[in-house]
């Protein structure tokens, strides 16, 4: 069974907070431990440049977030853990996707629309102080996801639109240049998709309403004391709906603990007691990780090496994939398409791969000669990505790769068909090597 790819990133624009932990870090670490999962985690430092102009903050945030991942149990030997800016193929892919994405799609992005609406409400030019980075944010996010053909991307509900946009980009590229990308899906943990901050709005570095992830217990106590509540006195029933305090507690508690806390709200628990309960529940989970975090923060050179090792693993995937995409869009060496010599023209005519989906929901490919004869027919695959991997293997290895994919092919109708297919594959591989 082929592993499912799982990818997530955190923008390095500030100190990681509880919202990052429950919405991204914790579910991602859990997913990385599951069988048959291939996990990719990255530090989104390119994205940080959209949000902050403070270089020291970007650097410090990168260190803190990397340490937070590792302290929370992320095993860099088991996953691919990297810094976005260490993968030059990502901005190149971003440009490819830019060229197949309609401006109208980006006009509808929530962050851009919010900026425009704010300017219009203030009587300013709609694009006042809106940089191109903000406008193009969804395309860069699409490149992050599609670079590794991630199938599941954990996001908050407010980020689902970006996954839908990445799907649109993948479809647009596949329609023009052939099936190269799988269509990603958003993975949302419903109860904690968006964690509220101290003021009830979404917990965000932009709002300065966060609870830093590895705050000391004393710091936690002070911050939790500042969570906005209503003025209902002890003994009066309190609503859990819309309560930031209750929602944060729920993100850390078991189902049984949540029900008990809900009952306490109904019984009129005092806000001070409710905040103390929240403090103890958060500290129960975070305290064991704090020592590990402090050790990591004090050894930045150790984290740097972990990230460089992760980048090497990531580029082992990204570099050959980007080479395929460059070839697909026509960025090729000029002699690759030169007219064949007379000697070469006597070789087998250039065949082509055709990839398609049948009514059974499976994906297939066939290798068709220039004269229309089907030289090779595949069996069904669960995804176009798997089919594409077999095609790539044949394109690069030529006839010698047939043995590696033999179980994925329909039986030959004759020895002549197999011989002709082998010769055509060898020609394909030779031309690809020349390119």
Protein backbone atom coordinates (compact mmCIF):
# COMPACT_ATOMS: atom_id res chain seq x y z
CA UNK A 1 0.00 0.00 0.00
CA UNK A 2 1.33 3.44 -0.94
CA UNK A 3 1.90 5.88 1.93
CA UNK A 4 -0.35 8.91 2.28
CA UNK A 5 1.49 12.22 2.24
CA UNK A 6 0.71 14.65 5.03
CA UNK A 7 2.11 18.22 4.96
CA UNK A 8 1.87 21.25 7.19
CA UNK A 9 3.85 24.40 7.94
CA UNK A 10 3.94 27.29 10.41
CA UNK A 11 4.84 30.85 9.46
CA UNK A 12 7.96 32.07 11.27
CA UNK A 13 6.67 35.51 12.17
CA UNK A 14 6.49 35.24 15.96
CA UNK A 15 6.67 33.03 19.02
CA UNK A 16 4.64 29.81 18.62
CA UNK A 17 1.48 29.74 20.68
CA UNK A 18 -1.19 27.32 21.88
CA UNK A 19 -3.20 27.87 18.70
CA UNK A 20 -0.26 26.65 16.62
CA UNK A 21 0.07 23.65 18.91
CA UNK A 22 -3.51 22.40 18.94
CA UNK A 23 -4.28 23.37 15.36
CA UNK A 24 -1.12 22.16 13.66
CA UNK A 25 1.76 20.80 15.73
CA UNK A 26 -0.08 18.28 17.90
CA UNK A 27 -2.30 16.68 15.23
CA UNK A 28 0.64 16.60 12.83
CA UNK A 29 2.94 14.85 15.30
CA UNK A 30 0.20 12.32 15.98
CA UNK A 31 -0.28 11.75 12.26
CA UNK A 32 3.45 11.23 11.76
CA UNK A 33 3.33 8.25 14.12
CA UNK A 34 0.62 6.47 12.15
CA UNK A 35 1.45 3.55 9.89
CA UNK A 36 1.60 4.14 6.15
CA UNK A 37 2.01 7.94 6.44
CA UNK A 38 4.76 10.04 4.85
CA UNK A 39 4.95 13.37 6.69
CA UNK A 40 6.38 16.74 5.62
CA UNK A 41 6.73 19.62 8.08
CA UNK A 42 8.22 22.98 7.21
CA UNK A 43 9.06 26.38 8.63
CA UNK A 44 7.33 28.89 6.35
CA UNK A 45 9.94 31.65 6.42
CA UNK A 46 9.12 32.95 2.92
CA UNK A 47 5.56 33.54 4.14
CA UNK A 48 6.92 35.40 7.16
CA UNK A 49 8.31 38.13 4.89
CA UNK A 50 4.74 39.10 4.03
CA UNK A 51 3.90 39.69 7.69
CA UNK A 52 7.03 41.20 9.23
CA UNK A 53 9.94 43.40 8.19
CA UNK A 54 12.03 42.51 11.25
CA UNK A 55 14.85 40.12 10.20
CA UNK A 56 15.74 39.29 13.80
CA UNK A 57 12.15 38.31 14.51
CA UNK A 58 12.04 35.95 11.51
CA UNK A 59 15.30 34.31 12.60
CA UNK A 60 14.24 33.98 16.25
CA UNK A 61 10.81 32.67 15.29
CA UNK A 62 12.38 30.05 13.03
CA UNK A 63 14.45 28.80 15.97
CA UNK A 64 11.50 28.81 18.38
CA UNK A 65 9.11 27.04 16.06
CA UNK A 66 11.66 24.40 15.09
CA UNK A 67 12.36 23.77 18.78
CA UNK A 68 8.62 23.57 19.45
CA UNK A 69 8.12 20.90 16.78
CA UNK A 70 10.97 18.80 18.13
CA UNK A 71 10.03 19.23 21.79
CA UNK A 72 6.48 18.17 20.96
CA UNK A 73 7.72 14.82 19.73
CA UNK A 74 8.48 15.30 16.04
CA UNK A 75 11.09 12.74 14.99
CA UNK A 76 13.24 14.18 12.17
CA UNK A 77 14.42 10.67 11.27
CA UNK A 78 10.86 9.54 10.64
CA UNK A 79 9.61 12.63 8.77
CA UNK A 80 10.87 15.28 6.35
CA UNK A 81 11.39 18.43 8.42
CA UNK A 82 12.77 21.45 6.58
CA UNK A 83 12.95 25.21 6.24
CA UNK A 84 10.99 26.54 3.27
CA UNK A 85 13.79 28.84 2.09
CA UNK A 86 16.20 25.88 1.84
CA UNK A 87 14.14 24.46 -1.06
CA UNK A 88 14.75 26.65 -4.16
CA UNK A 89 12.34 24.51 -6.18
CA UNK A 90 9.40 25.95 -4.22
CA UNK A 91 9.63 29.55 -5.52
CA UNK A 92 10.25 28.17 -9.03
CA UNK A 93 7.09 26.11 -8.80
CA UNK A 94 5.32 29.18 -7.43
CA UNK A 95 6.06 30.94 -10.72
CA UNK A 96 4.79 27.99 -12.76
CA UNK A 97 1.55 28.05 -10.78
CA UNK A 98 1.31 31.83 -11.11
CA UNK A 99 1.19 31.35 -14.86
CA UNK A 100 -1.84 29.02 -14.70
CA UNK A 101 -3.80 30.85 -11.97
CA UNK A 102 -6.41 33.45 -12.86
CA UNK A 103 -6.18 36.84 -11.16
CA UNK A 104 -9.88 36.58 -10.41
CA UNK A 105 -9.19 33.55 -8.22
CA UNK A 106 -6.69 35.53 -6.14
CA UNK A 107 -9.07 38.49 -5.92
CA UNK A 108 -11.35 36.26 -3.85
CA UNK A 109 -8.71 35.24 -1.30
CA UNK A 110 -9.92 36.06 2.21
CA UNK A 111 -6.81 37.94 3.37
CA UNK A 112 -6.69 40.11 0.26
CA UNK A 113 -10.43 40.83 0.37
CA UNK A 114 -10.18 41.78 4.04
CA UNK A 115 -7.40 44.27 3.26
CA UNK A 116 -9.41 45.76 0.37
CA UNK A 117 -12.57 46.01 2.46
CA UNK A 118 -10.65 47.74 5.26
CA UNK A 119 -9.20 50.29 2.83
CA UNK A 120 -12.56 50.98 1.21
CA UNK A 121 -14.21 51.45 4.61
CA UNK A 122 -11.51 54.02 5.40
CA UNK A 123 -12.11 55.81 2.09
CA UNK A 124 -8.69 54.84 0.74
CA UNK A 125 -7.55 53.26 -2.50
CA UNK A 126 -8.61 49.58 -2.38
CA UNK A 127 -5.00 48.40 -2.75
CA UNK A 128 -3.39 50.91 -0.39
CA UNK A 129 -0.48 49.25 1.45
CA UNK A 130 -1.32 45.87 -0.10
CA UNK A 131 1.89 44.31 -1.36
CA UNK A 132 2.11 41.67 -4.07
CA UNK A 133 3.27 39.16 -1.48
CA UNK A 134 -0.09 39.29 0.29
CA UNK A 135 -1.90 39.00 -3.02
CA UNK A 136 0.24 36.03 -4.14
CA UNK A 137 0.21 34.27 -0.75
CA UNK A 138 -2.22 31.53 -1.94
CA UNK A 139 0.05 30.67 -4.88
CA UNK A 140 3.11 30.26 -2.68
CA UNK A 141 1.03 28.11 -0.34
CA UNK A 142 -0.09 26.09 -3.35
CA UNK A 143 3.55 25.56 -4.31
CA UNK A 144 4.37 24.39 -0.76
CA UNK A 145 1.67 21.74 -1.01
CA UNK A 146 2.00 20.65 -4.63
CA UNK A 147 5.80 20.48 -4.57
CA UNK A 148 5.45 17.26 -2.59
CA UNK A 149 2.02 16.19 -3.88
CA UNK A 150 0.62 16.17 -0.36
CA UNK A 151 -2.76 14.50 -0.08
CA UNK A 152 -3.75 15.83 3.36
CA UNK A 153 -3.00 19.29 4.73
CA UNK A 154 -4.07 20.13 8.30
CA UNK A 155 -5.37 23.69 8.45
CA UNK A 156 -7.72 25.87 10.43
CA UNK A 157 -11.13 26.41 8.89
CA UNK A 158 -10.08 29.89 7.80
CA UNK A 159 -7.36 28.31 5.64
CA UNK A 160 -9.57 25.82 3.79
CA UNK A 161 -9.98 28.28 0.93
CA UNK A 162 -6.23 28.09 0.25
CA UNK A 163 -6.42 24.30 -0.10
CA UNK A 164 -9.28 24.70 -2.55
CA UNK A 165 -7.15 27.18 -4.49
CA UNK A 166 -4.24 24.71 -4.53
CA UNK A 167 -6.62 22.13 -6.01
CA UNK A 168 -7.63 24.64 -8.68
CA UNK A 169 -3.98 25.32 -9.51
CA UNK A 170 -3.23 21.61 -9.74
CA UNK A 171 -6.19 21.06 -12.04
CA UNK A 172 -5.19 23.99 -14.27
CA UNK A 173 -1.61 22.75 -14.58
CA UNK A 174 -2.64 19.14 -15.15
CA UNK A 175 -5.10 20.22 -17.86
CA UNK A 176 -2.39 22.09 -19.76
CA UNK A 177 0.64 19.87 -19.24
CA UNK A 178 -0.53 16.42 -18.21
CA UNK A 179 -1.20 14.76 -14.85
CA UNK A 180 1.61 15.82 -12.52
CA UNK A 181 -0.19 16.84 -9.33
CA UNK A 182 -2.58 15.07 -6.98
CA UNK A 183 -5.43 17.14 -5.54
CA UNK A 184 -4.84 17.94 -1.84
CA UNK A 185 -7.54 17.84 0.81
CA UNK A 186 -7.88 19.91 3.97
CA UNK A 187 -7.71 17.97 7.25
CA UNK A 188 -9.49 19.77 10.09
CA UNK A 189 -9.72 18.67 13.72
CA UNK A 190 -13.20 20.08 14.23
CA UNK A 191 -13.01 20.98 17.93
CA UNK A 192 -9.74 22.91 17.65
CA UNK A 193 -9.61 24.09 14.05
CA UNK A 194 -9.36 27.74 15.22
CA UNK A 195 -8.38 28.38 18.83
CA UNK A 196 -9.59 31.68 20.37
CA UNK A 197 -7.12 34.07 21.93
CA UNK A 198 -7.24 36.07 25.15
CA UNK A 199 -9.73 38.53 23.69
CA UNK A 200 -12.01 35.94 22.06
CA UNK A 201 -10.78 36.55 18.52
CA UNK A 202 -8.73 33.91 16.71
CA UNK A 203 -5.46 33.32 18.56
CA UNK A 204 -2.97 35.04 16.30
CA UNK A 205 0.40 36.75 16.48
CA UNK A 206 -1.16 39.51 14.37
CA UNK A 207 -3.67 40.30 17.16
CA UNK A 208 -1.12 39.99 19.96
CA UNK A 209 -3.65 37.88 21.88
CA UNK A 210 -1.70 34.64 22.12
CA UNK A 211 -0.57 32.31 24.89
CA UNK A 212 3.05 31.37 24.07
CA UNK A 213 3.38 27.63 23.75
CA UNK A 214 6.12 27.07 26.31
CA UNK A 215 5.22 29.73 28.84
CA UNK A 216 6.20 28.94 32.42
CA UNK A 217 3.37 28.01 34.74
CA UNK A 218 3.51 31.46 36.33
CA UNK A 219 3.30 33.11 32.91
CA UNK A 220 0.41 30.83 32.00
CA UNK A 221 -1.42 31.84 35.18
CA UNK A 222 -1.09 35.55 34.37
CA UNK A 223 -2.14 35.14 30.74
CA UNK A 224 -5.12 32.92 31.52
CA UNK A 225 -6.24 35.42 34.15
CA UNK A 226 -6.54 37.93 31.30
CA UNK A 227 -8.93 35.84 29.19
CA UNK A 228 -12.06 37.92 28.57
CA UNK A 229 -15.20 36.62 30.32
CA UNK A 230 -18.58 38.12 31.08
CA UNK A 231 -19.68 39.58 34.43
CA UNK A 232 -21.83 36.68 35.67
CA UNK A 233 -21.15 36.01 39.35
CA UNK A 234 -20.45 32.64 40.99
CA UNK A 235 -23.55 30.47 41.19
CA UNK A 236 -25.08 31.85 37.99
CA UNK A 237 -25.08 29.47 34.98
CA UNK A 238 -22.57 30.36 32.30
CA UNK A 239 -22.65 29.74 28.54
CA UNK A 240 -20.04 27.54 26.92
CA UNK A 241 -21.09 28.79 23.50
CA UNK A 242 -18.73 31.59 22.50
CA UNK A 243 -16.62 31.21 25.64
CA UNK A 244 -12.92 31.46 24.78
CA UNK A 245 -12.05 29.93 28.14
CA UNK A 246 -14.22 26.86 27.49
CA UNK A 247 -12.99 26.42 23.90
CA UNK A 248 -9.33 26.48 24.96
CA UNK A 249 -10.05 23.96 27.74
CA UNK A 250 -11.87 21.69 25.29
CA UNK A 251 -8.83 21.70 22.99
CA UNK A 252 -6.73 20.06 25.72
CA UNK A 253 -9.29 17.95 27.58
CA UNK A 254 -10.66 14.48 27.00
CA UNK A 255 -14.33 14.10 26.08
CA UNK A 256 -15.12 13.16 29.69
CA UNK A 257 -13.24 16.17 31.09
CA UNK A 258 -15.00 18.45 28.63
CA UNK A 259 -18.42 17.18 29.70
CA UNK A 260 -17.55 17.70 33.36
CA UNK A 261 -16.35 21.26 32.64
CA UNK A 262 -19.54 21.94 30.68
CA UNK A 263 -21.57 20.76 33.66
CA UNK A 264 -19.57 23.06 35.93
CA UNK A 265 -20.47 25.99 33.66
CA UNK A 266 -24.13 25.07 33.95
CA UNK A 267 -23.76 24.89 37.75
CA UNK A 268 -22.33 28.41 37.89
CA UNK A 269 -18.61 27.82 38.41
CA UNK A 270 -16.75 30.99 39.41
CA UNK A 271 -14.61 32.43 36.62
CA UNK A 272 -11.54 32.31 38.86
CA UNK A 273 -12.08 28.60 39.46
CA UNK A 274 -12.68 27.97 35.77
CA UNK A 275 -9.43 29.74 34.90
CA UNK A 276 -7.54 27.72 37.49
CA UNK A 277 -8.94 24.51 35.98
CA UNK A 278 -7.79 25.65 32.55
CA UNK A 279 -4.30 26.45 33.88
CA UNK A 280 -3.91 23.01 35.44
CA UNK A 281 -5.19 21.21 32.33
CA UNK A 282 -2.82 23.03 29.94
CA UNK A 283 0.14 22.65 32.29
CA UNK A 284 -0.55 18.92 32.60
CA UNK A 285 0.17 18.52 28.90
CA UNK A 286 2.87 21.11 28.38
CA UNK A 287 5.05 20.73 31.48
CA UNK A 288 6.81 17.52 30.34
CA UNK A 289 7.87 19.22 27.08
CA UNK A 290 9.29 22.42 28.56
CA UNK A 291 12.68 21.01 29.58
CA UNK A 292 13.22 19.56 26.12
CA UNK A 293 12.29 22.89 24.54
CA UNK A 294 14.75 24.84 26.70
CA UNK A 295 17.55 22.40 25.83
CA UNK A 296 16.86 22.81 22.13
CA UNK A 297 16.62 26.60 22.24
CA UNK A 298 20.05 26.73 23.88
CA UNK A 299 21.60 24.68 21.02
CA UNK A 300 20.66 26.47 17.75
CA UNK A 301 23.51 24.77 15.86
CA UNK A 302 21.88 21.41 16.58
CA UNK A 303 18.55 22.60 15.16
CA UNK A 304 20.32 24.09 12.14
CA UNK A 305 21.83 20.70 11.28
CA UNK A 306 18.46 18.99 11.68
CA UNK A 307 16.95 21.44 9.19
CA UNK A 308 19.79 21.04 6.70
CA UNK A 309 19.40 17.27 6.86
CA UNK A 310 15.69 17.70 6.28
CA UNK A 311 16.29 19.98 3.30
CA UNK A 312 18.50 17.32 1.74
CA UNK A 313 15.70 14.78 2.07
CA UNK A 314 13.14 17.22 0.69
CA UNK A 315 15.27 18.20 -2.31
CA UNK A 316 15.83 14.55 -3.18
CA UNK A 317 12.12 14.61 -4.04
CA UNK A 318 11.75 18.20 -5.22
CA UNK A 319 14.69 18.39 -7.64
CA UNK A 320 13.77 15.49 -9.96
CA UNK A 321 10.10 16.45 -9.79
CA UNK A 322 10.93 20.01 -10.77
CA UNK A 323 13.03 18.71 -13.66
CA UNK A 324 9.95 16.84 -14.92
CA UNK A 325 7.81 19.97 -14.58
CA UNK A 326 10.39 22.10 -16.42
CA UNK A 327 10.36 19.59 -19.27
CA UNK A 328 6.56 19.52 -19.26
CA UNK A 329 6.23 23.30 -19.72
CA UNK A 330 8.92 23.44 -22.42
CA UNK A 331 11.98 24.62 -20.48
CA UNK A 332 14.29 22.17 -22.22
CA UNK A 333 17.72 22.12 -23.79
CA UNK A 334 17.46 23.23 -27.38
CA UNK A 335 19.12 20.20 -28.93
CA UNK A 336 16.52 17.92 -27.35
CA UNK A 337 14.04 18.83 -30.07
CA UNK A 338 16.52 19.08 -32.94
CA UNK A 339 15.65 17.25 -36.16
CA UNK A 340 16.85 13.66 -36.00
CA UNK A 341 19.60 12.58 -38.32
CA UNK A 342 18.86 10.06 -41.06
CA UNK A 343 20.35 7.31 -38.92
CA UNK A 344 18.16 8.29 -35.99
CA UNK A 345 15.06 8.56 -38.15
CA UNK A 346 15.40 4.89 -38.96
CA UNK A 347 14.87 4.03 -35.30
CA UNK A 348 11.46 3.36 -33.79
CA UNK A 349 9.12 6.35 -34.19
CA UNK A 350 8.57 8.39 -31.04
CA UNK A 351 5.77 6.92 -28.94
CA UNK A 352 3.86 8.72 -26.17
CA UNK A 353 2.30 8.01 -22.81
CA UNK A 354 -1.41 8.62 -22.28
CA UNK A 355 -2.80 8.80 -18.75
CA UNK A 356 -6.53 8.62 -18.05
CA UNK A 357 -9.23 7.61 -15.59
CA UNK A 358 -11.83 4.91 -16.16
CA UNK A 359 -15.40 4.54 -14.85
CA UNK A 360 -14.13 2.19 -12.14
CA UNK A 361 -12.46 5.23 -10.53
CA UNK A 362 -8.94 3.91 -11.12
CA UNK A 363 -6.18 5.62 -13.09
CA UNK A 364 -4.46 3.98 -16.08
CA UNK A 365 -1.79 4.74 -18.63
CA UNK A 366 -0.88 3.35 -22.01
CA UNK A 367 2.15 3.68 -24.24
CA UNK A 368 1.09 4.41 -27.80
CA UNK A 369 3.28 4.28 -30.93
CA UNK A 370 3.26 7.11 -33.45
CA UNK A 371 1.17 4.92 -35.76
CA UNK A 372 -1.48 4.44 -33.05
CA UNK A 373 -0.59 0.93 -31.91
CA UNK A 374 -0.90 0.41 -28.15
CA UNK A 375 2.50 -0.90 -27.14
CA UNK A 376 1.81 -1.15 -23.43
CA UNK A 377 -1.25 -1.04 -21.18
CA UNK A 378 -1.16 -0.59 -17.42
CA UNK A 379 -3.35 -2.07 -14.72
CA UNK A 380 -5.45 0.31 -12.57
CA UNK A 381 -3.89 2.62 -9.95
CA UNK A 382 -5.49 4.26 -6.91
CA UNK A 383 -4.18 7.73 -7.83
CA UNK A 384 -2.70 9.57 -10.82
CA UNK A 385 0.44 10.17 -8.77
CA UNK A 386 1.17 6.45 -8.53
CA UNK A 387 0.56 6.00 -12.23
CA UNK A 388 2.80 8.99 -12.91
CA UNK A 389 5.61 7.49 -10.85
CA UNK A 390 5.55 4.34 -12.99
CA UNK A 391 5.54 6.42 -16.15
CA UNK A 392 8.52 8.45 -14.89
CA UNK A 393 10.40 5.25 -14.09
CA UNK A 394 9.84 3.95 -17.62
CA UNK A 395 10.76 7.28 -19.21
CA UNK A 396 14.03 7.45 -17.33
CA UNK A 397 15.00 3.78 -17.36
CA UNK A 398 13.83 2.78 -20.81
CA UNK A 399 13.37 -0.90 -21.60
CA UNK A 400 15.46 -1.95 -18.61
CA UNK A 401 12.78 -0.52 -16.29
CA UNK A 402 10.12 -2.89 -17.58
CA UNK A 403 11.05 -5.54 -15.04
CA UNK A 404 10.47 -3.06 -12.20
CA UNK A 405 6.88 -2.35 -13.25
CA UNK A 406 6.01 -5.76 -14.69
CA UNK A 407 3.30 -6.43 -12.10
CA UNK A 408 1.62 -3.12 -12.99
CA UNK A 409 1.24 -3.95 -16.69
CA UNK A 410 -1.34 -5.95 -18.61
CA UNK A 411 0.10 -9.05 -20.33
CA UNK A 412 1.76 -8.58 -23.70
CA UNK A 413 -0.32 -9.68 -26.66
CA UNK A 414 2.78 -10.90 -28.50
CA UNK A 415 6.56 -11.02 -28.35
CA UNK A 416 6.64 -8.47 -31.18
CA UNK A 417 4.62 -6.01 -29.10
CA UNK A 418 7.05 -6.36 -26.18
CA UNK A 419 10.06 -5.88 -28.45
CA UNK A 420 8.61 -2.79 -30.06
CA UNK A 421 7.64 -1.31 -26.69
CA UNK A 422 11.17 -1.95 -25.38
CA UNK A 423 12.75 -0.21 -28.36
CA UNK A 424 10.40 2.76 -28.05
CA UNK A 425 11.14 3.09 -24.34
CA UNK A 426 14.88 3.01 -24.99
CA UNK A 427 14.49 5.82 -27.51
CA UNK A 428 12.47 7.86 -25.02
CA UNK A 429 15.07 7.41 -22.31
CA UNK A 430 17.91 8.37 -24.65
CA UNK A 431 16.17 11.58 -25.71
CA UNK A 432 15.33 12.43 -22.10
CA UNK A 433 18.96 11.91 -21.11
CA UNK A 434 20.08 14.21 -23.93
CA UNK A 435 17.68 16.85 -22.68
